[in-house]
């Protein structure tokens, strides 16, 4: 996962997904430790897949992109969680990362919690 500021209140997250792997749309979440107003927009279109573990789900292959609008954001980390599988039937455990944001300098630090 890579993150970048597009403006002082808008962030783009991008996942480059390995060949024969996919990322679950419904297992992707973003939250904050305080009540921030966060809006998430998917720019990538998912593909409906019959998954042996979760049934019919929407997944991303190759790349996933989302945009996050942050309104009234307090200086608290954003928590990003996502999960994927490969076509051979192995599901990866959920990945949890913390994003520390500095809008003034357009700097983002990505950490494992």
PDB file of N, CA and C in Angstrom:
ATOM      1  N   UNK A   1       0.836  -1.172   0.000  1.00  0.00           N
ATOM      2  CA  UNK A   1       0.000   0.000   0.000  1.00  0.00           C
ATOM      3  C   UNK A   1       0.881   1.236   0.000  1.00  0.00           C
ATOM      4  N   UNK A   2       0.527   2.175  -0.857  1.00  0.00           N
ATOM      5  CA  UNK A   2       1.202   3.474  -0.893  1.00  0.00           C
ATOM      6  C   UNK A   2       0.163   4.549  -0.641  1.00  0.00           C
ATOM      7  N   UNK A   3       0.591   5.637  -0.020  1.00  0.00           N
ATOM      8  CA  UNK A   3      -0.320   6.732   0.296  1.00  0.00           C
ATOM      9  C   UNK A   3       0.306   8.051  -0.117  1.00  0.00           C
ATOM     10  N   UNK A   4      -0.548   8.978  -0.593  1.00  0.00           N
ATOM     11  CA  UNK A   4      -0.045  10.303  -0.934  1.00  0.00           C
ATOM     12  C   UNK A   4      -1.151  11.337  -0.770  1.00  0.00           C
ATOM     13  N   UNK A   5      -0.741  12.551  -0.397  1.00  0.00           N
ATOM     14  CA  UNK A   5      -1.670  13.666  -0.338  1.00  0.00           C
ATOM     15  C   UNK A   5      -1.898  14.175  -1.746  1.00  0.00           C
ATOM     16  N   UNK A   6      -3.163  14.428  -2.092  1.00  0.00           N
ATOM     17  CA  UNK A   6      -3.500  15.095  -3.349  1.00  0.00           C
ATOM     18  C   UNK A   6      -3.786  16.565  -3.083  1.00  0.00           C
ATOM     19  N   UNK A   7      -4.262  16.853  -1.888  1.00  0.00           N
ATOM     20  CA  UNK A   7      -4.459  18.223  -1.416  1.00  0.00           C
ATOM     21  C   UNK A   7      -4.423  18.152   0.104  1.00  0.00           C
ATOM     22  N   UNK A   8      -4.642  19.267   0.756  1.00  0.00           N
ATOM     23  CA  UNK A   8      -4.573  19.289   2.211  1.00  0.00           C
ATOM     24  C   UNK A   8      -5.653  18.422   2.862  1.00  0.00           C
ATOM     25  N   UNK A   9      -6.742  18.172   2.158  1.00  0.00           N
ATOM     26  CA  UNK A   9      -7.856  17.396   2.713  1.00  0.00           C
ATOM     27  C   UNK A   9      -8.170  16.135   1.919  1.00  0.00           C
ATOM     28  N   UNK A  10      -7.302  15.730   1.008  1.00  0.00           N
ATOM     29  CA  UNK A  10      -7.590  14.548   0.195  1.00  0.00           C
ATOM     30  C   UNK A  10      -6.336  13.679   0.066  1.00  0.00           C
ATOM     31  N   UNK A  11      -6.540  12.366   0.308  1.00  0.00           N
ATOM     32  CA  UNK A  11      -5.452  11.387   0.266  1.00  0.00           C
ATOM     33  C   UNK A  11      -5.816  10.300  -0.736  1.00  0.00           C
ATOM     34  N   UNK A  12      -4.800   9.777  -1.395  1.00  0.00           N
ATOM     35  CA  UNK A  12      -4.993   8.644  -2.301  1.00  0.00           C
ATOM     36  C   UNK A  12      -4.212   7.462  -1.752  1.00  0.00           C
ATOM     37  N   UNK A  13      -4.885   6.291  -1.670  1.00  0.00           N
ATOM     38  CA  UNK A  13      -4.218   5.044  -1.295  1.00  0.00           C
ATOM     39  C   UNK A  13      -4.231   4.120  -2.501  1.00  0.00           C
ATOM     40  N   UNK A  14      -3.092   3.489  -2.767  1.00  0.00           N
ATOM     41  CA  UNK A  14      -2.963   2.595  -3.923  1.00  0.00           C
ATOM     42  C   UNK A  14      -2.336   1.283  -3.469  1.00  0.00           C
ATOM     43  N   UNK A  15      -2.935   0.195  -3.923  1.00  0.00           N
ATOM     44  CA  UNK A  15      -2.389  -1.140  -3.702  1.00  0.00           C
ATOM     45  C   UNK A  15      -1.991  -1.712  -5.048  1.00  0.00           C
ATOM     46  N   UNK A  16      -0.746  -2.114  -5.190  1.00  0.00           N
ATOM     47  CA  UNK A  16      -0.285  -2.856  -6.367  1.00  0.00           C
ATOM     48  C   UNK A  16      -0.386  -4.326  -5.968  1.00  0.00           C
ATOM     49  N   UNK A  17      -1.267  -5.054  -6.627  1.00  0.00           N
ATOM     50  CA  UNK A  17      -1.596  -6.416  -6.215  1.00  0.00           C
ATOM     51  C   UNK A  17      -0.850  -7.408  -7.102  1.00  0.00           C
ATOM     52  N   UNK A  18      -0.160  -8.330  -6.470  1.00  0.00           N
ATOM     53  CA  UNK A  18       0.653  -9.322  -7.193  1.00  0.00           C
ATOM     54  C   UNK A  18      -0.217 -10.173  -8.119  1.00  0.00           C
ATOM     55  N   UNK A  19       0.422 -10.710  -9.139  1.00  0.00           N
ATOM     56  CA  UNK A  19      -0.263 -11.586 -10.096  1.00  0.00           C
ATOM     57  C   UNK A  19      -0.875 -12.781  -9.367  1.00  0.00           C
ATOM     58  N   UNK A  20      -2.071 -13.165  -9.778  1.00  0.00           N
ATOM     59  CA  UNK A  20      -2.827 -14.290  -9.211  1.00  0.00           C
ATOM     60  C   UNK A  20      -3.247 -14.055  -7.757  1.00  0.00           C
ATOM     61  N   UNK A  21      -3.253 -12.796  -7.339  1.00  0.00           N
ATOM     62  CA  UNK A  21      -3.717 -12.422  -6.010  1.00  0.00           C
ATOM     63  C   UNK A  21      -4.830 -11.393  -6.155  1.00  0.00           C
ATOM     64  N   UNK A  22      -5.615 -11.243  -5.107  1.00  0.00           N
ATOM     65  CA  UNK A  22      -6.686 -10.261  -5.133  1.00  0.00           C
ATOM     66  C   UNK A  22      -6.921  -9.711  -3.736  1.00  0.00           C
ATOM     67  N   UNK A  23      -7.551  -8.548  -3.698  1.00  0.00           N
ATOM     68  CA  UNK A  23      -7.852  -7.842  -2.460  1.00  0.00           C
ATOM     69  C   UNK A  23      -9.371  -7.763  -2.334  1.00  0.00           C
ATOM     70  N   UNK A  24      -9.901  -8.098  -1.162  1.00  0.00           N
ATOM     71  CA  UNK A  24     -11.336  -8.044  -0.931  1.00  0.00           C
ATOM     72  C   UNK A  24     -11.796  -6.602  -0.708  1.00  0.00           C
ATOM     73  N   UNK A  25     -12.797  -6.175  -1.465  1.00  0.00           N
ATOM     74  CA  UNK A  25     -13.337  -4.822  -1.287  1.00  0.00           C
ATOM     75  C   UNK A  25     -13.992  -4.675   0.090  1.00  0.00           C
ATOM     76  N   UNK A  26     -14.784  -5.656   0.500  1.00  0.00           N
ATOM     77  CA  UNK A  26     -15.499  -5.553   1.772  1.00  0.00           C
ATOM     78  C   UNK A  26     -14.600  -5.696   2.994  1.00  0.00           C
ATOM     79  N   UNK A  27     -13.387  -6.178   2.813  1.00  0.00           N
ATOM     80  CA  UNK A  27     -12.457  -6.311   3.935  1.00  0.00           C
ATOM     81  C   UNK A  27     -11.479  -5.144   4.005  1.00  0.00           C
ATOM     82  N   UNK A  28     -11.766  -4.090   3.282  1.00  0.00           N
ATOM     83  CA  UNK A  28     -10.944  -2.889   3.294  1.00  0.00           C
ATOM     84  C   UNK A  28     -11.685  -1.846   4.126  1.00  0.00           C
ATOM     85  N   UNK A  29     -11.054  -1.377   5.198  1.00  0.00           N
ATOM     86  CA  UNK A  29     -11.705  -0.372   6.038  1.00  0.00           C
ATOM     87  C   UNK A  29     -10.701   0.674   6.491  1.00  0.00           C
ATOM     88  N   UNK A  30     -11.249   1.854   6.759  1.00  0.00           N
ATOM     89  CA  UNK A  30     -10.442   2.967   7.257  1.00  0.00           C
ATOM     90  C   UNK A  30     -11.210   3.602   8.408  1.00  0.00           C
ATOM     91  N   UNK A  31     -10.511   3.814   9.509  1.00  0.00           N
ATOM     92  CA  UNK A  31     -11.163   4.399  10.681  1.00  0.00           C
ATOM     93  C   UNK A  31     -10.166   5.289  11.416  1.00  0.00           C
ATOM     94  N   UNK A  32     -10.674   5.977  12.420  1.00  0.00           N
ATOM     95  CA  UNK A  32      -9.843   6.858  13.227  1.00  0.00           C
ATOM     96  C   UNK A  32     -10.187   6.633  14.689  1.00  0.00           C
ATOM     97  N   UNK A  33      -9.272   6.966  15.581  1.00  0.00           N
ATOM     98  CA  UNK A  33      -9.504   6.764  17.006  1.00  0.00           C
ATOM     99  C   UNK A  33     -10.429   7.824  17.595  1.00  0.00           C
ATOM    100  N   UNK A  34     -10.661   8.895  16.876  1.00  0.00           N
ATOM    101  CA  UNK A  34     -11.612   9.925  17.310  1.00  0.00           C
ATOM    102  C   UNK A  34     -12.669  10.070  16.236  1.00  0.00           C
ATOM    103  N   UNK A  35     -13.683  10.822  16.530  1.00  0.00           N
ATOM    104  CA  UNK A  35     -14.770  10.967  15.571  1.00  0.00           C
ATOM    105  C   UNK A  35     -14.391  11.990  14.506  1.00  0.00           C
ATOM    106  N   UNK A  36     -13.637  11.561  13.543  1.00  0.00           N
ATOM    107  CA  UNK A  36     -13.300  12.386  12.392  1.00  0.00           C
ATOM    108  C   UNK A  36     -14.330  12.128  11.310  1.00  0.00           C
ATOM    109  N   UNK A  37     -14.547  13.099  10.457  1.00  0.00           N
ATOM    110  CA  UNK A  37     -15.444  12.891   9.322  1.00  0.00           C
ATOM    111  C   UNK A  37     -14.591  12.464   8.132  1.00  0.00           C
ATOM    112  N   UNK A  38     -14.717  11.197   7.759  1.00  0.00           N
ATOM    113  CA  UNK A  38     -13.906  10.628   6.684  1.00  0.00           C
ATOM    114  C   UNK A  38     -14.849  10.099   5.616  1.00  0.00           C
ATOM    115  N   UNK A  39     -14.613  10.473   4.373  1.00  0.00           N
ATOM    116  CA  UNK A  39     -15.379   9.920   3.260  1.00  0.00           C
ATOM    117  C   UNK A  39     -14.420   9.171   2.355  1.00  0.00           C
ATOM    118  N   UNK A  40     -14.839   7.966   1.937  1.00  0.00           N
ATOM    119  CA  UNK A  40     -13.998   7.113   1.103  1.00  0.00           C
ATOM    120  C   UNK A  40     -14.670   6.928  -0.253  1.00  0.00           C
ATOM    121  N   UNK A  41     -13.887   7.085  -1.317  1.00  0.00           N
ATOM    122  CA  UNK A  41     -14.384   6.908  -2.670  1.00  0.00           C
ATOM    123  C   UNK A  41     -13.520   5.870  -3.379  1.00  0.00           C
ATOM    124  N   UNK A  42     -14.146   4.831  -3.915  1.00  0.00           N
ATOM    125  CA  UNK A  42     -13.419   3.832  -4.695  1.00  0.00           C
ATOM    126  C   UNK A  42     -13.309   4.322  -6.126  1.00  0.00           C
ATOM    127  N   UNK A  43     -12.118   4.346  -6.658  1.00  0.00           N
ATOM    128  CA  UNK A  43     -11.984   4.684  -8.076  1.00  0.00           C
ATOM    129  C   UNK A  43     -11.783   3.413  -8.894  1.00  0.00           C
ATOM    130  N   UNK A  44     -11.367   2.351  -8.238  1.00  0.00           N
ATOM    131  CA  UNK A  44     -11.173   1.081  -8.934  1.00  0.00           C
ATOM    132  C   UNK A  44     -12.496   0.324  -8.947  1.00  0.00           C
ATOM    133  N   UNK A  45     -12.761  -0.347 -10.042  1.00  0.00           N
ATOM    134  CA  UNK A  45     -13.946  -1.189 -10.138  1.00  0.00           C
ATOM    135  C   UNK A  45     -13.557  -2.605  -9.773  1.00  0.00           C
ATOM    136  N   UNK A  46     -14.304  -3.195  -8.886  1.00  0.00           N
ATOM    137  CA  UNK A  46     -14.048  -4.567  -8.491  1.00  0.00           C
ATOM    138  C   UNK A  46     -14.678  -5.558  -9.450  1.00  0.00           C
ATOM    139  N   UNK A  47     -14.301  -6.795  -9.287  1.00  0.00           N
ATOM    140  CA  UNK A  47     -14.835  -7.903 -10.085  1.00  0.00           C
ATOM    141  C   UNK A  47     -15.542  -8.846  -9.118  1.00  0.00           C
ATOM    142  N   UNK A  48     -16.732  -9.304  -9.492  1.00  0.00           N
ATOM    143  CA  UNK A  48     -17.460 -10.253  -8.659  1.00  0.00           C
ATOM    144  C   UNK A  48     -16.827 -11.630  -8.836  1.00  0.00           C
ATOM    145  N   UNK A  49     -16.511 -12.259  -7.705  1.00  0.00           N
ATOM    146  CA  UNK A  49     -15.829 -13.551  -7.717  1.00  0.00           C
ATOM    147  C   UNK A  49     -16.531 -14.493  -6.746  1.00  0.00           C
ATOM    148  N   UNK A  50     -16.657 -15.748  -7.138  1.00  0.00           N
ATOM    149  CA  UNK A  50     -17.168 -16.786  -6.229  1.00  0.00           C
ATOM    150  C   UNK A  50     -15.964 -17.299  -5.450  1.00  0.00           C
ATOM    151  N   UNK A  51     -15.905 -16.935  -4.183  1.00  0.00           N
ATOM    152  CA  UNK A  51     -14.760 -17.234  -3.329  1.00  0.00           C
ATOM    153  C   UNK A  51     -15.097 -18.427  -2.430  1.00  0.00           C
ATOM    154  N   UNK A  52     -14.196 -19.383  -2.329  1.00  0.00           N
ATOM    155  CA  UNK A  52     -14.476 -20.581  -1.539  1.00  0.00           C
ATOM    156  C   UNK A  52     -14.613 -20.297  -0.046  1.00  0.00           C
ATOM    157  N   UNK A  53     -14.070 -19.175   0.436  1.00  0.00           N
ATOM    158  CA  UNK A  53     -14.137 -18.843   1.857  1.00  0.00           C
ATOM    159  C   UNK A  53     -15.294 -17.906   2.191  1.00  0.00           C
ATOM    160  N   UNK A  54     -15.551 -16.924   1.322  1.00  0.00           N
ATOM    161  CA  UNK A  54     -16.532 -15.875   1.621  1.00  0.00           C
ATOM    162  C   UNK A  54     -17.732 -15.857   0.681  1.00  0.00           C
ATOM    163  N   UNK A  55     -17.849 -16.796  -0.236  1.00  0.00           N
ATOM    164  CA  UNK A  55     -18.971 -16.810  -1.181  1.00  0.00           C
ATOM    165  C   UNK A  55     -18.773 -15.803  -2.299  1.00  0.00           C
ATOM    166  N   UNK A  56     -19.853 -15.165  -2.739  1.00  0.00           N
ATOM    167  CA  UNK A  56     -19.766 -14.186  -3.828  1.00  0.00           C
ATOM    168  C   UNK A  56     -19.319 -12.841  -3.249  1.00  0.00           C
ATOM    169  N   UNK A  57     -18.165 -12.374  -3.707  1.00  0.00           N
ATOM    170  CA  UNK A  57     -17.565 -11.144  -3.176  1.00  0.00           C
ATOM    171  C   UNK A  57     -17.035 -10.286  -4.320  1.00  0.00           C
ATOM    172  N   UNK A  58     -16.816  -9.021  -4.008  1.00  0.00           N
ATOM    173  CA  UNK A  58     -16.183  -8.120  -4.970  1.00  0.00           C
ATOM    174  C   UNK A  58     -14.708  -8.014  -4.600  1.00  0.00           C
ATOM    175  N   UNK A  59     -13.851  -8.210  -5.600  1.00  0.00           N
ATOM    176  CA  UNK A  59     -12.406  -8.199  -5.365  1.00  0.00           C
ATOM    177  C   UNK A  59     -11.709  -7.284  -6.369  1.00  0.00           C
ATOM    178  N   UNK A  60     -10.490  -6.908  -6.026  1.00  0.00           N
ATOM    179  CA  UNK A  60      -9.639  -6.116  -6.918  1.00  0.00           C
ATOM    180  C   UNK A  60      -8.454  -6.963  -7.343  1.00  0.00           C
ATOM    181  N   UNK A  61      -8.163  -6.955  -8.623  1.00  0.00           N
ATOM    182  CA  UNK A  61      -6.952  -7.579  -9.176  1.00  0.00           C
ATOM    183  C   UNK A  61      -6.030  -6.469  -9.656  1.00  0.00           C
ATOM    184  N   UNK A  62      -4.747  -6.737  -9.739  1.00  0.00           N
ATOM    185  CA  UNK A  62      -3.715  -5.833 -10.282  1.00  0.00           C
ATOM    186  C   UNK A  62      -3.518  -4.578  -9.446  1.00  0.00           C
ATOM    187  N   UNK A  63      -4.572  -3.766  -9.300  1.00  0.00           N
ATOM    188  CA  UNK A  63      -4.422  -2.515  -8.566  1.00  0.00           C
ATOM    189  C   UNK A  63      -5.760  -2.093  -7.966  1.00  0.00           C
ATOM    190  N   UNK A  64      -5.708  -1.500  -6.803  1.00  0.00           N
ATOM    191  CA  UNK A  64      -6.880  -0.893  -6.172  1.00  0.00           C
ATOM    192  C   UNK A  64      -6.491   0.517  -5.775  1.00  0.00           C
ATOM    193  N   UNK A  65      -7.406   1.443  -5.983  1.00  0.00           N
ATOM    194  CA  UNK A  65      -7.182   2.843  -5.647  1.00  0.00           C
ATOM    195  C   UNK A  65      -8.392   3.360  -4.906  1.00  0.00           C
ATOM    196  N   UNK A  66      -8.163   4.055  -3.808  1.00  0.00           N
ATOM    197  CA  UNK A  66      -9.259   4.753  -3.148  1.00  0.00           C
ATOM    198  C   UNK A  66      -8.802   6.159  -2.789  1.00  0.00           C
ATOM    199  N   UNK A  67      -9.779   7.033  -2.671  1.00  0.00           N
ATOM    200  CA  UNK A  67      -9.521   8.414  -2.279  1.00  0.00           C
ATOM    201  C   UNK A  67     -10.235   8.668  -0.966  1.00  0.00           C
ATOM    202  N   UNK A  68      -9.585   9.411  -0.091  1.00  0.00           N
ATOM    203  CA  UNK A  68     -10.143   9.710   1.218  1.00  0.00           C
ATOM    204  C   UNK A  68     -10.222  11.223   1.366  1.00  0.00           C
ATOM    205  N   UNK A  69     -11.435  11.717   1.570  1.00  0.00           N
ATOM    206  CA  UNK A  69     -11.633  13.128   1.900  1.00  0.00           C
ATOM    207  C   UNK A  69     -11.706  13.231   3.407  1.00  0.00           C
ATOM    208  N   UNK A  70     -10.919  14.119   3.965  1.00  0.00           N
ATOM    209  CA  UNK A  70     -10.858  14.269   5.411  1.00  0.00           C
ATOM    210  C   UNK A  70     -11.355  15.661   5.757  1.00  0.00           C
ATOM    211  N   UNK A  71     -12.499  15.704   6.422  1.00  0.00           N
ATOM    212  CA  UNK A  71     -13.077  16.973   6.839  1.00  0.00           C
ATOM    213  C   UNK A  71     -13.088  16.990   8.363  1.00  0.00           C
ATOM    214  N   UNK A  72     -12.669  18.093   8.942  1.00  0.00           N
ATOM    215  CA  UNK A  72     -12.597  18.211  10.402  1.00  0.00           C
ATOM    216  C   UNK A  72     -11.719  17.123  10.995  1.00  0.00           C
ATOM    217  N   UNK A  73     -10.665  16.809  10.323  1.00  0.00           N
ATOM    218  CA  UNK A  73      -9.757  15.756  10.776  1.00  0.00           C
ATOM    219  C   UNK A  73      -8.940  16.239  11.959  1.00  0.00           C
ATOM    220  N   UNK A  74      -8.907  15.431  12.997  1.00  0.00           N
ATOM    221  CA  UNK A  74      -8.060  15.696  14.157  1.00  0.00           C
ATOM    222  C   UNK A  74      -6.737  14.961  13.936  1.00  0.00           C
ATOM    223  N   UNK A  75      -5.695  15.439  14.541  1.00  0.00           N
ATOM    224  CA  UNK A  75      -4.362  14.852  14.317  1.00  0.00           C
ATOM    225  C   UNK A  75      -4.209  13.522  15.040  1.00  0.00           C
ATOM    226  N   UNK A  76      -4.971  12.560  14.579  1.00  0.00           N
ATOM    227  CA  UNK A  76      -4.899  11.194  15.085  1.00  0.00           C
ATOM    228  C   UNK A  76      -4.670  10.278  13.899  1.00  0.00           C
ATOM    229  N   UNK A  77      -3.984   9.173  14.106  1.00  0.00           N
ATOM    230  CA  UNK A  77      -3.719   8.274  12.980  1.00  0.00           C
ATOM    231  C   UNK A  77      -5.002   7.694  12.389  1.00  0.00           C
ATOM    232  N   UNK A  78      -4.945   7.426  11.110  1.00  0.00           N
ATOM    233  CA  UNK A  78      -6.001   6.667  10.447  1.00  0.00           C
ATOM    234  C   UNK A  78      -5.590   5.209  10.494  1.00  0.00           C
ATOM    235  N   UNK A  79      -6.532   4.349  10.780  1.00  0.00           N
ATOM    236  CA  UNK A  79      -6.279   2.906  10.821  1.00  0.00           C
ATOM    237  C   UNK A  79      -6.797   2.304   9.521  1.00  0.00           C
ATOM    238  N   UNK A  80      -5.921   1.630   8.782  1.00  0.00           N
ATOM    239  CA  UNK A  80      -6.285   1.002   7.510  1.00  0.00           C
ATOM    240  C   UNK A  80      -6.148  -0.506   7.679  1.00  0.00           C
ATOM    241  N   UNK A  81      -7.204  -1.234   7.333  1.00  0.00           N
ATOM    242  CA  UNK A  81      -7.204  -2.697   7.406  1.00  0.00           C
ATOM    243  C   UNK A  81      -7.622  -3.243   6.055  1.00  0.00           C
ATOM    244  N   UNK A  82      -6.928  -4.287   5.587  1.00  0.00           N
ATOM    245  CA  UNK A  82      -7.286  -4.919   4.311  1.00  0.00           C
ATOM    246  C   UNK A  82      -6.841  -6.370   4.325  1.00  0.00           C
ATOM    247  N   UNK A  83      -7.445  -7.149   3.422  1.00  0.00           N
ATOM    248  CA  UNK A  83      -7.123  -8.578   3.347  1.00  0.00           C
ATOM    249  C   UNK A  83      -7.274  -9.053   1.911  1.00  0.00           C
ATOM    250  N   UNK A  84      -6.457 -10.016   1.552  1.00  0.00           N
ATOM    251  CA  UNK A  84      -6.529 -10.604   0.222  1.00  0.00           C
ATOM    252  C   UNK A  84      -6.202 -12.078   0.249  1.00  0.00           C
ATOM    253  N   UNK A  85      -6.341 -12.684  -0.909  1.00  0.00           N
ATOM    254  CA  UNK A  85      -6.039 -14.110  -1.090  1.00  0.00           C
ATOM    255  C   UNK A  85      -5.304 -14.282  -2.414  1.00  0.00           C
ATOM    256  N   UNK A  86      -4.804 -15.496  -2.640  1.00  0.00           N
ATOM    257  CA  UNK A  86      -4.263 -15.803  -3.959  1.00  0.00           C
ATOM    258  C   UNK A  86      -5.133 -16.873  -4.606  1.00  0.00           C
ATOM    259  N   UNK A  87      -4.967 -17.047  -5.889  1.00  0.00           N
ATOM    260  CA  UNK A  87      -5.792 -17.984  -6.652  1.00  0.00           C
ATOM    261  C   UNK A  87      -5.533 -19.446  -6.282  1.00  0.00           C
ATOM    262  N   UNK A  88      -4.465 -19.713  -5.563  1.00  0.00           N
ATOM    263  CA  UNK A  88      -4.166 -21.088  -5.152  1.00  0.00           C
ATOM    264  C   UNK A  88      -4.932 -21.488  -3.895  1.00  0.00           C
ATOM    265  N   UNK A  89      -5.713 -20.550  -3.344  1.00  0.00           N
ATOM    266  CA  UNK A  89      -6.546 -20.871  -2.194  1.00  0.00           C
ATOM    267  C   UNK A  89      -5.985 -20.432  -0.858  1.00  0.00           C
ATOM    268  N   UNK A  90      -4.859 -19.735  -0.845  1.00  0.00           N
ATOM    269  CA  UNK A  90      -4.290 -19.264   0.415  1.00  0.00           C
ATOM    270  C   UNK A  90      -4.793 -17.855   0.690  1.00  0.00           C
ATOM    271  N   UNK A  91      -5.432 -17.663   1.849  1.00  0.00           N
ATOM    272  CA  UNK A  91      -5.859 -16.320   2.257  1.00  0.00           C
ATOM    273  C   UNK A  91      -4.849 -15.753   3.253  1.00  0.00           C
ATOM    274  N   UNK A  92      -4.482 -14.532   3.031  1.00  0.00           N
ATOM    275  CA  UNK A  92      -3.532 -13.854   3.912  1.00  0.00           C
ATOM    276  C   UNK A  92      -4.279 -13.309   5.119  1.00  0.00           C
ATOM    277  N   UNK A  93      -3.641 -13.237   6.269  1.00  0.00           N
ATOM    278  CA  UNK A  93      -4.314 -12.636   7.430  1.00  0.00           C
ATOM    279  C   UNK A  93      -4.561 -11.144   7.155  1.00  0.00           C
ATOM    280  N   UNK A  94      -5.549 -10.555   7.804  1.00  0.00           N
ATOM    281  CA  UNK A  94      -5.785  -9.126   7.618  1.00  0.00           C
ATOM    282  C   UNK A  94      -4.531  -8.317   7.964  1.00  0.00           C
ATOM    283  N   UNK A  95      -4.271  -7.302   7.161  1.00  0.00           N
ATOM    284  CA  UNK A  95      -3.147  -6.394   7.386  1.00  0.00           C
ATOM    285  C   UNK A  95      -3.703  -5.140   8.028  1.00  0.00           C
ATOM    286  N   UNK A  96      -3.058  -4.681   9.089  1.00  0.00           N
ATOM    287  CA  UNK A  96      -3.480  -3.466   9.779  1.00  0.00           C
ATOM    288  C   UNK A  96      -2.317  -2.492   9.773  1.00  0.00           C
ATOM    289  N   UNK A  97      -2.599  -1.284   9.285  1.00  0.00           N
ATOM    290  CA  UNK A  97      -1.568  -0.248   9.253  1.00  0.00           C
ATOM    291  C   UNK A  97      -2.129   1.041   9.825  1.00  0.00           C
ATOM    292  N   UNK A  98      -1.239   1.848  10.299  1.00  0.00           N
ATOM    293  CA  UNK A  98      -1.599   3.147  10.858  1.00  0.00           C
ATOM    294  C   UNK A  98      -0.973   4.228   9.988  1.00  0.00           C
ATOM    295  N   UNK A  99      -1.770   5.231   9.613  1.00  0.00           N
ATOM    296  CA  UNK A  99      -1.261   6.341   8.812  1.00  0.00           C
ATOM    297  C   UNK A  99      -1.204   7.584   9.681  1.00  0.00           C
ATOM    298  N   UNK A 100      -0.006   8.113   9.887  1.00  0.00           N
ATOM    299  CA  UNK A 100       0.160   9.401  10.558  1.00  0.00           C
ATOM    300  C   UNK A 100       0.261  10.456   9.474  1.00  0.00           C
ATOM    301  N   UNK A 101      -0.569  11.490   9.582  1.00  0.00           N
ATOM    302  CA  UNK A 101      -0.676  12.490   8.527  1.00  0.00           C
ATOM    303  C   UNK A 101      -0.211  13.859   9.004  1.00  0.00           C
ATOM    304  N   UNK A 102       0.519  14.535   8.133  1.00  0.00           N
ATOM    305  CA  UNK A 102       0.924  15.914   8.355  1.00  0.00           C
ATOM    306  C   UNK A 102       0.520  16.713   7.121  1.00  0.00           C
ATOM    307  N   UNK A 103      -0.755  17.195   7.079  1.00  0.00           N
ATOM    308  CA  UNK A 103      -1.255  17.875   5.876  1.00  0.00           C
ATOM    309  C   UNK A 103      -0.438  19.103   5.471  1.00  0.00           C
ATOM    310  N   UNK A 104       0.107  19.818   6.444  1.00  0.00           N
ATOM    311  CA  UNK A 104       0.854  21.042   6.119  1.00  0.00           C
ATOM    312  C   UNK A 104       2.062  20.741   5.230  1.00  0.00           C
ATOM    313  N   UNK A 105       2.719  19.620   5.492  1.00  0.00           N
ATOM    314  CA  UNK A 105       3.905  19.262   4.707  1.00  0.00           C
ATOM    315  C   UNK A 105       3.617  18.165   3.694  1.00  0.00           C
ATOM    316  N   UNK A 106       2.360  17.706   3.639  1.00  0.00           N
ATOM    317  CA  UNK A 106       1.935  16.626   2.738  1.00  0.00           C
ATOM    318  C   UNK A 106       2.767  15.359   2.961  1.00  0.00           C
ATOM    319  N   UNK A 107       3.037  15.089   4.221  1.00  0.00           N
ATOM    320  CA  UNK A 107       3.825  13.914   4.584  1.00  0.00           C
ATOM    321  C   UNK A 107       2.915  12.861   5.201  1.00  0.00           C
ATOM    322  N   UNK A 108       3.118  11.596   4.832  1.00  0.00           N
ATOM    323  CA  UNK A 108       2.375  10.465   5.395  1.00  0.00           C
ATOM    324  C   UNK A 108       3.371   9.410   5.842  1.00  0.00           C
ATOM    325  N   UNK A 109       3.214   8.974   7.076  1.00  0.00           N
ATOM    326  CA  UNK A 109       4.059   7.912   7.621  1.00  0.00           C
ATOM    327  C   UNK A 109       3.172   6.671   7.798  1.00  0.00           C
ATOM    328  N   UNK A 110       3.592   5.541   7.233  1.00  0.00           N
ATOM    329  CA  UNK A 110       2.828   4.302   7.329  1.00  0.00           C
ATOM    330  C   UNK A 110       3.519   3.379   8.312  1.00  0.00           C
ATOM    331  N   UNK A 111       2.771   2.940   9.332  1.00  0.00           N
ATOM    332  CA  UNK A 111       3.326   2.076  10.371  1.00  0.00           C
ATOM    333  C   UNK A 111       2.445   0.867  10.596  1.00  0.00           C
ATOM    334  N   UNK A 112       3.032  -0.221  11.037  1.00  0.00           N
ATOM    335  CA  UNK A 112       2.246  -1.354  11.519  1.00  0.00           C
ATOM    336  C   UNK A 112       1.899  -1.043  12.970  1.00  0.00           C
ATOM    337  N   UNK A 113       0.644  -1.288  13.374  1.00  0.00           N
ATOM    338  CA  UNK A 113       0.276  -0.950  14.761  1.00  0.00           C
ATOM    339  C   UNK A 113       0.946  -1.861  15.772  1.00  0.00           C
TER     340      UNK A 113
END
